[in-house]
Amino acid sequence: MRIMGLDFGTTTVGVAISDPLGWTAQGIETVNYVEHKKNLLFNRLGELIIKYEVDRIVVGLPKDLIGTESARAFASRGFAKSVRRKFKIPVELWDERLTTVAAERILIAADMSRKRRKQVIDKEAAVLILQSYLDKKRMEQ
């Protein structure tokens, strides 16, 4: 059983995958897309779902610091609904507050250049989203 974590942005989607036991999250890639050509995005996600035998997806849900959902949260909800419909597997929304900020700090601490950070920030945010989901689920067991 593997779980996929997605950080849905306006032009990119960061992708992370869990190990088979559901303990750790690893970044896979950042998928670039254009709004009017989302079929290419869904095709790539479908390839990854098959390759990694994914049976659940976690999509980051943007909220502000007090927990209010932003306009971007509406887009993430729509994306999650489309993913659920397209791939017929469970999709959960997960609070992604401050994951991009945390990802940025991790990459800066790793002395990564600004250009390189821009290329991998969404993938790293997806890792943080998925890892927090995995940790929470493990604590509940």
C-alpha atoms as a PDB file:
ATOM      1  CA  MET A   1       0.000   0.000   0.000  1.00  0.00           C
ATOM      2  CA  ARG A   2       1.420   3.357  -1.012  1.00  0.00           C
ATOM      3  CA  ILE A   3       0.047   6.813  -0.497  1.00  0.00           C
ATOM      4  CA  MET A   4       0.702   9.725  -2.817  1.00  0.00           C
ATOM      5  CA  GLY A   5       0.957  13.282  -1.528  1.00  0.00           C
ATOM      6  CA  LEU A   6       0.198  16.213  -3.828  1.00  0.00           C
ATOM      7  CA  ASP A   7       0.921  19.912  -3.402  1.00  0.00           C
ATOM      8  CA  PHE A   8      -1.419  21.526  -5.945  1.00  0.00           C
ATOM      9  CA  GLY A   9      -0.288  24.913  -7.226  1.00  0.00           C
ATOM     10  CA  THR A  10      -1.365  27.249  -9.991  1.00  0.00           C
ATOM     11  CA  THR A  11       1.116  25.858 -12.538  1.00  0.00           C
ATOM     12  CA  THR A  12       2.850  22.975 -10.762  1.00  0.00           C
ATOM     13  CA  VAL A  13       1.999  19.953  -8.656  1.00  0.00           C
ATOM     14  CA  GLY A  14       4.573  18.591  -6.251  1.00  0.00           C
ATOM     15  CA  VAL A  15       4.421  14.802  -5.934  1.00  0.00           C
ATOM     16  CA  ALA A  16       5.580  12.629  -3.043  1.00  0.00           C
ATOM     17  CA  ILE A  17       5.103   8.929  -2.370  1.00  0.00           C
ATOM     18  CA  SER A  18       5.177   6.865   0.804  1.00  0.00           C
ATOM     19  CA  ASP A  19       7.242   3.770   1.327  1.00  0.00           C
ATOM     20  CA  PRO A  20       5.188   0.533   1.170  1.00  0.00           C
ATOM     21  CA  LEU A  21       4.772   0.482   4.978  1.00  0.00           C
ATOM     22  CA  GLY A  22       3.491   4.065   5.085  1.00  0.00           C
ATOM     23  CA  TRP A  23       6.226   5.383   7.380  1.00  0.00           C
ATOM     24  CA  THR A  24       8.195   7.818   5.242  1.00  0.00           C
ATOM     25  CA  ALA A  25       7.529  10.186   2.355  1.00  0.00           C
ATOM     26  CA  GLN A  26       9.921  10.737  -0.532  1.00  0.00           C
ATOM     27  CA  GLY A  27       9.716  13.431  -3.195  1.00  0.00           C
ATOM     28  CA  ILE A  28       9.159  12.090  -6.693  1.00  0.00           C
ATOM     29  CA  GLU A  29       8.860  15.083  -9.012  1.00  0.00           C
ATOM     30  CA  THR A  30       7.247  18.389  -9.759  1.00  0.00           C
ATOM     31  CA  VAL A  31       4.752  18.235 -12.623  1.00  0.00           C
ATOM     32  CA  ASN A  32       4.290  21.439 -14.612  1.00  0.00           C
ATOM     33  CA  TYR A  33       0.918  22.036 -16.246  1.00  0.00           C
ATOM     34  CA  VAL A  34      -1.155  24.643 -18.025  1.00  0.00           C
ATOM     35  CA  GLU A  35      -4.718  25.214 -16.778  1.00  0.00           C
ATOM     36  CA  HIS A  36      -6.339  24.451 -20.131  1.00  0.00           C
ATOM     37  CA  LYS A  37      -4.256  21.275 -20.603  1.00  0.00           C
ATOM     38  CA  LYS A  38      -4.821  19.511 -17.293  1.00  0.00           C
ATOM     39  CA  ASN A  39      -5.228  16.234 -19.179  1.00  0.00           C
ATOM     40  CA  LEU A  40      -1.411  16.133 -19.433  1.00  0.00           C
ATOM     41  CA  LEU A  41      -1.187  16.547 -15.661  1.00  0.00           C
ATOM     42  CA  PHE A  42      -3.713  13.757 -15.080  1.00  0.00           C
ATOM     43  CA  ASN A  43      -1.907  11.504 -17.568  1.00  0.00           C
ATOM     44  CA  ARG A  44       1.349  11.918 -15.642  1.00  0.00           C
ATOM     45  CA  LEU A  45      -0.328  11.360 -12.289  1.00  0.00           C
ATOM     46  CA  GLY A  46      -1.953   8.220 -13.712  1.00  0.00           C
ATOM     47  CA  GLU A  47       1.450   6.905 -14.770  1.00  0.00           C
ATOM     48  CA  LEU A  48       2.835   7.499 -11.282  1.00  0.00           C
ATOM     49  CA  ILE A  49      -0.209   5.939  -9.610  1.00  0.00           C
ATOM     50  CA  ILE A  50       0.298   2.765 -11.641  1.00  0.00           C
ATOM     51  CA  LYS A  51       4.097   2.718 -11.245  1.00  0.00           C
ATOM     52  CA  TYR A  52       3.966   3.062  -7.458  1.00  0.00           C
ATOM     53  CA  GLU A  53       0.743   1.073  -6.942  1.00  0.00           C
ATOM     54  CA  VAL A  54      -0.910   3.976  -5.133  1.00  0.00           C
ATOM     55  CA  ASP A  55      -4.161   3.206  -3.318  1.00  0.00           C
ATOM     56  CA  ARG A  56      -4.753   6.575  -1.583  1.00  0.00           C
ATOM     57  CA  ILE A  57      -3.942  10.202  -2.372  1.00  0.00           C
ATOM     58  CA  VAL A  58      -3.522  13.133   0.003  1.00  0.00           C
ATOM     59  CA  VAL A  59      -3.964  16.627  -1.441  1.00  0.00           C
ATOM     60  CA  GLY A  60      -2.733  19.652   0.490  1.00  0.00           C
ATOM     61  CA  LEU A  61      -5.486  22.070   1.540  1.00  0.00           C
ATOM     62  CA  PRO A  62      -4.224  25.654   1.915  1.00  0.00           C
ATOM     63  CA  LYS A  63      -5.430  27.498   4.992  1.00  0.00           C
ATOM     64  CA  ASP A  64      -4.302  30.703   6.636  1.00  0.00           C
ATOM     65  CA  LEU A  65      -2.804  30.789  10.127  1.00  0.00           C
ATOM     66  CA  ILE A  66      -6.196  30.904  11.875  1.00  0.00           C
ATOM     67  CA  GLY A  67      -7.529  27.984   9.849  1.00  0.00           C
ATOM     68  CA  THR A  68      -9.659  29.873   7.333  1.00  0.00           C
ATOM     69  CA  GLU A  69      -9.654  28.421   3.843  1.00  0.00           C
ATOM     70  CA  SER A  70      -8.307  30.658   1.117  1.00  0.00           C
ATOM     71  CA  ALA A  71      -9.454  31.026  -2.484  1.00  0.00           C
ATOM     72  CA  ARG A  72      -6.688  28.573  -3.347  1.00  0.00           C
ATOM     73  CA  ALA A  73      -8.362  26.035  -1.048  1.00  0.00           C
ATOM     74  CA  PHE A  74     -11.417  26.109  -3.326  1.00  0.00           C
ATOM     75  CA  ALA A  75      -9.185  25.194  -6.281  1.00  0.00           C
ATOM     76  CA  SER A  76      -7.543  22.406  -4.252  1.00  0.00           C
ATOM     77  CA  ARG A  77     -10.940  20.984  -3.335  1.00  0.00           C
ATOM     78  CA  GLY A  78     -11.925  20.968  -7.007  1.00  0.00           C
ATOM     79  CA  PHE A  79      -8.644  19.320  -7.957  1.00  0.00           C
ATOM     80  CA  ALA A  80      -9.084  16.634  -5.281  1.00  0.00           C
ATOM     81  CA  LYS A  81     -12.602  15.934  -6.552  1.00  0.00           C
ATOM     82  CA  SER A  82     -11.304  15.587 -10.121  1.00  0.00           C
ATOM     83  CA  VAL A  83      -8.515  13.234  -9.009  1.00  0.00           C
ATOM     84  CA  ARG A  84     -11.010  11.087  -7.061  1.00  0.00           C
ATOM     85  CA  ARG A  85     -13.357  10.901 -10.048  1.00  0.00           C
ATOM     86  CA  LYS A  86     -10.601  10.202 -12.576  1.00  0.00           C
ATOM     87  CA  PHE A  87      -8.645   7.532 -10.700  1.00  0.00           C
ATOM     88  CA  LYS A  88     -11.391   5.945  -8.534  1.00  0.00           C
ATOM     89  CA  ILE A  89      -9.238   5.806  -5.413  1.00  0.00           C
ATOM     90  CA  PRO A  90      -9.729   7.560  -2.065  1.00  0.00           C
ATOM     91  CA  VAL A  91      -8.524  11.162  -1.918  1.00  0.00           C
ATOM     92  CA  GLU A  92      -8.176  13.067   1.342  1.00  0.00           C
ATOM     93  CA  LEU A  93      -7.576  16.759   1.858  1.00  0.00           C
ATOM     94  CA  TRP A  94      -4.865  17.593   4.408  1.00  0.00           C
ATOM     95  CA  ASP A  95      -4.064  20.890   6.091  1.00  0.00           C
ATOM     96  CA  GLU A  96      -0.919  22.202   4.467  1.00  0.00           C
ATOM     97  CA  ARG A  97      -0.429  25.317   6.579  1.00  0.00           C
ATOM     98  CA  LEU A  98       3.144  26.584   6.406  1.00  0.00           C
ATOM     99  CA  THR A  99       4.463  23.610   4.397  1.00  0.00           C
ATOM    100  CA  THR A 100       5.850  25.842   1.652  1.00  0.00           C
ATOM    101  CA  VAL A 101       7.524  28.066   4.252  1.00  0.00           C
ATOM    102  CA  ALA A 102       8.993  25.004   5.970  1.00  0.00           C
ATOM    103  CA  ALA A 103      10.116  23.558   2.638  1.00  0.00           C
ATOM    104  CA  GLU A 104      11.815  26.851   1.766  1.00  0.00           C
ATOM    105  CA  ARG A 105      13.683  26.852   5.100  1.00  0.00           C
ATOM    106  CA  ILE A 106      14.834  23.255   4.606  1.00  0.00           C
ATOM    107  CA  LEU A 107      16.141  24.034   1.126  1.00  0.00           C
ATOM    108  CA  ILE A 108      17.892  27.213   2.283  1.00  0.00           C
ATOM    109  CA  ALA A 109      19.505  25.273   5.148  1.00  0.00           C
ATOM    110  CA  ALA A 110      20.745  22.816   2.532  1.00  0.00           C
ATOM    111  CA  ASP A 111      22.423  25.808   0.813  1.00  0.00           C
ATOM    112  CA  MET A 112      20.391  25.318  -2.345  1.00  0.00           C
ATOM    113  CA  SER A 113      20.444  28.129  -4.903  1.00  0.00           C
ATOM    114  CA  ARG A 114      17.318  30.225  -5.432  1.00  0.00           C
ATOM    115  CA  LYS A 115      16.938  28.839  -8.968  1.00  0.00           C
ATOM    116  CA  ARG A 116      17.166  25.226  -7.789  1.00  0.00           C
ATOM    117  CA  ARG A 117      14.797  25.898  -4.836  1.00  0.00           C
ATOM    118  CA  LYS A 118      12.178  27.159  -7.266  1.00  0.00           C
ATOM    119  CA  GLN A 119      12.421  23.878  -9.194  1.00  0.00           C
ATOM    120  CA  VAL A 120      11.939  21.606  -6.166  1.00  0.00           C
ATOM    121  CA  ILE A 121       9.928  23.611  -3.609  1.00  0.00           C
ATOM    122  CA  ASP A 122       6.577  22.055  -4.561  1.00  0.00           C
ATOM    123  CA  LYS A 123       8.002  18.535  -4.408  1.00  0.00           C
ATOM    124  CA  GLU A 124       9.443  19.253  -0.957  1.00  0.00           C
ATOM    125  CA  ALA A 125       6.101  20.727   0.175  1.00  0.00           C
ATOM    126  CA  ALA A 126       4.388  17.522  -1.029  1.00  0.00           C
ATOM    127  CA  VAL A 127       6.827  15.519   1.108  1.00  0.00           C
ATOM    128  CA  LEU A 128       5.964  17.604   4.170  1.00  0.00           C
ATOM    129  CA  ILE A 129       2.213  17.265   3.522  1.00  0.00           C
ATOM    130  CA  LEU A 130       2.454  13.510   3.116  1.00  0.00           C
ATOM    131  CA  GLN A 131       4.841  13.001   6.042  1.00  0.00           C
ATOM    132  CA  SER A 132       2.565  14.917   8.419  1.00  0.00           C
ATOM    133  CA  TYR A 133      -0.369  12.795   7.207  1.00  0.00           C
ATOM    134  CA  LEU A 134       1.588   9.562   7.719  1.00  0.00           C
ATOM    135  CA  ASP A 135       2.761  10.627  11.178  1.00  0.00           C
ATOM    136  CA  LYS A 136      -0.774  11.506  12.274  1.00  0.00           C
ATOM    137  CA  LYS A 137      -2.208   8.215  10.993  1.00  0.00           C
ATOM    138  CA  ARG A 138       0.547   6.241  12.721  1.00  0.00           C
ATOM    139  CA  MET A 139      -0.141   8.048  16.010  1.00  0.00           C
ATOM    140  CA  GLU A 140      -3.846   7.214  15.725  1.00  0.00           C
ATOM    141  CA  GLN A 141      -3.077   3.485  15.461  1.00  0.00           C
END
